[in-house]
């Protein structure tokens, strides 16, 4: 873990399955941002877009 000058922190984790991290990311939205891997960031964004589209009708 490292703290940036703006007060934000970066946390590095190792996982064996994507579902070990996705629920944690969603729990902390909007206070969290996936930096890497970009495939996870893209997946989170796609799920959020599907959800917003669904609730807006």
Protein backbone atom coordinates (compact mmCIF):
# COMPACT_ATOMS: atom_id res chain seq x y z
CA UNK A 1 0.00 0.00 0.00
CA UNK A 2 1.28 3.47 -0.77
CA UNK A 3 -0.17 6.90 -0.13
CA UNK A 4 -0.12 9.51 -2.89
CA UNK A 5 0.46 13.23 -2.41
CA UNK A 6 -3.27 13.92 -2.90
CA UNK A 7 -4.13 11.65 0.04
CA UNK A 8 -5.35 8.74 -2.08
CA UNK A 9 -3.87 5.30 -1.57
CA UNK A 10 -2.97 2.47 -3.90
CA UNK A 11 -3.53 -1.11 -2.79
CA UNK A 12 -2.12 -4.11 -4.60
CA UNK A 13 -3.80 -7.48 -4.17
CA UNK A 14 -3.30 -10.94 -5.63
CA UNK A 15 -6.37 -12.98 -6.45
CA UNK A 16 -7.07 -16.41 -7.89
CA UNK A 17 -10.53 -15.64 -9.29
CA UNK A 18 -12.15 -12.42 -10.50
CA UNK A 19 -15.04 -12.81 -8.05
CA UNK A 20 -12.60 -12.38 -5.18
CA UNK A 21 -12.20 -8.71 -6.05
CA UNK A 22 -15.29 -7.54 -7.99
CA UNK A 23 -17.69 -7.48 -5.01
CA UNK A 24 -15.14 -5.47 -3.04
CA UNK A 25 -14.78 -2.94 -5.85
CA UNK A 26 -18.57 -2.53 -6.13
CA UNK A 27 -18.87 -2.16 -2.35
CA UNK A 28 -16.52 0.82 -2.33
CA UNK A 29 -17.91 2.61 -5.39
CA UNK A 30 -17.64 5.54 -5.96
CA UNK A 31 -14.63 5.83 -3.65
CA UNK A 32 -12.48 3.32 -5.52
CA UNK A 33 -10.92 3.15 -8.97
CA UNK A 34 -9.43 0.09 -10.64
CA UNK A 35 -6.10 1.07 -12.20
CA UNK A 36 -4.88 -2.34 -13.33
CA UNK A 37 -5.58 -4.70 -14.90
CA UNK A 38 -7.42 -2.73 -17.53
CA UNK A 39 -9.55 -5.80 -18.30
CA UNK A 40 -11.00 -5.62 -14.78
CA UNK A 41 -11.57 -1.87 -15.08
CA UNK A 42 -13.36 -2.44 -18.40
CA UNK A 43 -15.47 -5.24 -16.92
CA UNK A 44 -16.52 -3.09 -13.95
CA UNK A 45 -17.44 -0.22 -16.29
CA UNK A 46 -19.45 -2.53 -18.58
CA UNK A 47 -21.40 -3.94 -15.62
CA UNK A 48 -22.14 -0.44 -14.34
CA UNK A 49 -23.32 0.67 -17.79
CA UNK A 50 -25.61 -2.38 -18.11
CA UNK A 51 -27.04 -1.67 -14.67
CA UNK A 52 -27.71 2.00 -15.41
CA UNK A 53 -29.32 1.12 -18.75
CA UNK A 54 -31.53 -1.47 -17.02
CA UNK A 55 -32.78 0.83 -14.26
CA UNK A 56 -33.43 3.71 -16.66
CA UNK A 57 -35.53 1.46 -18.86
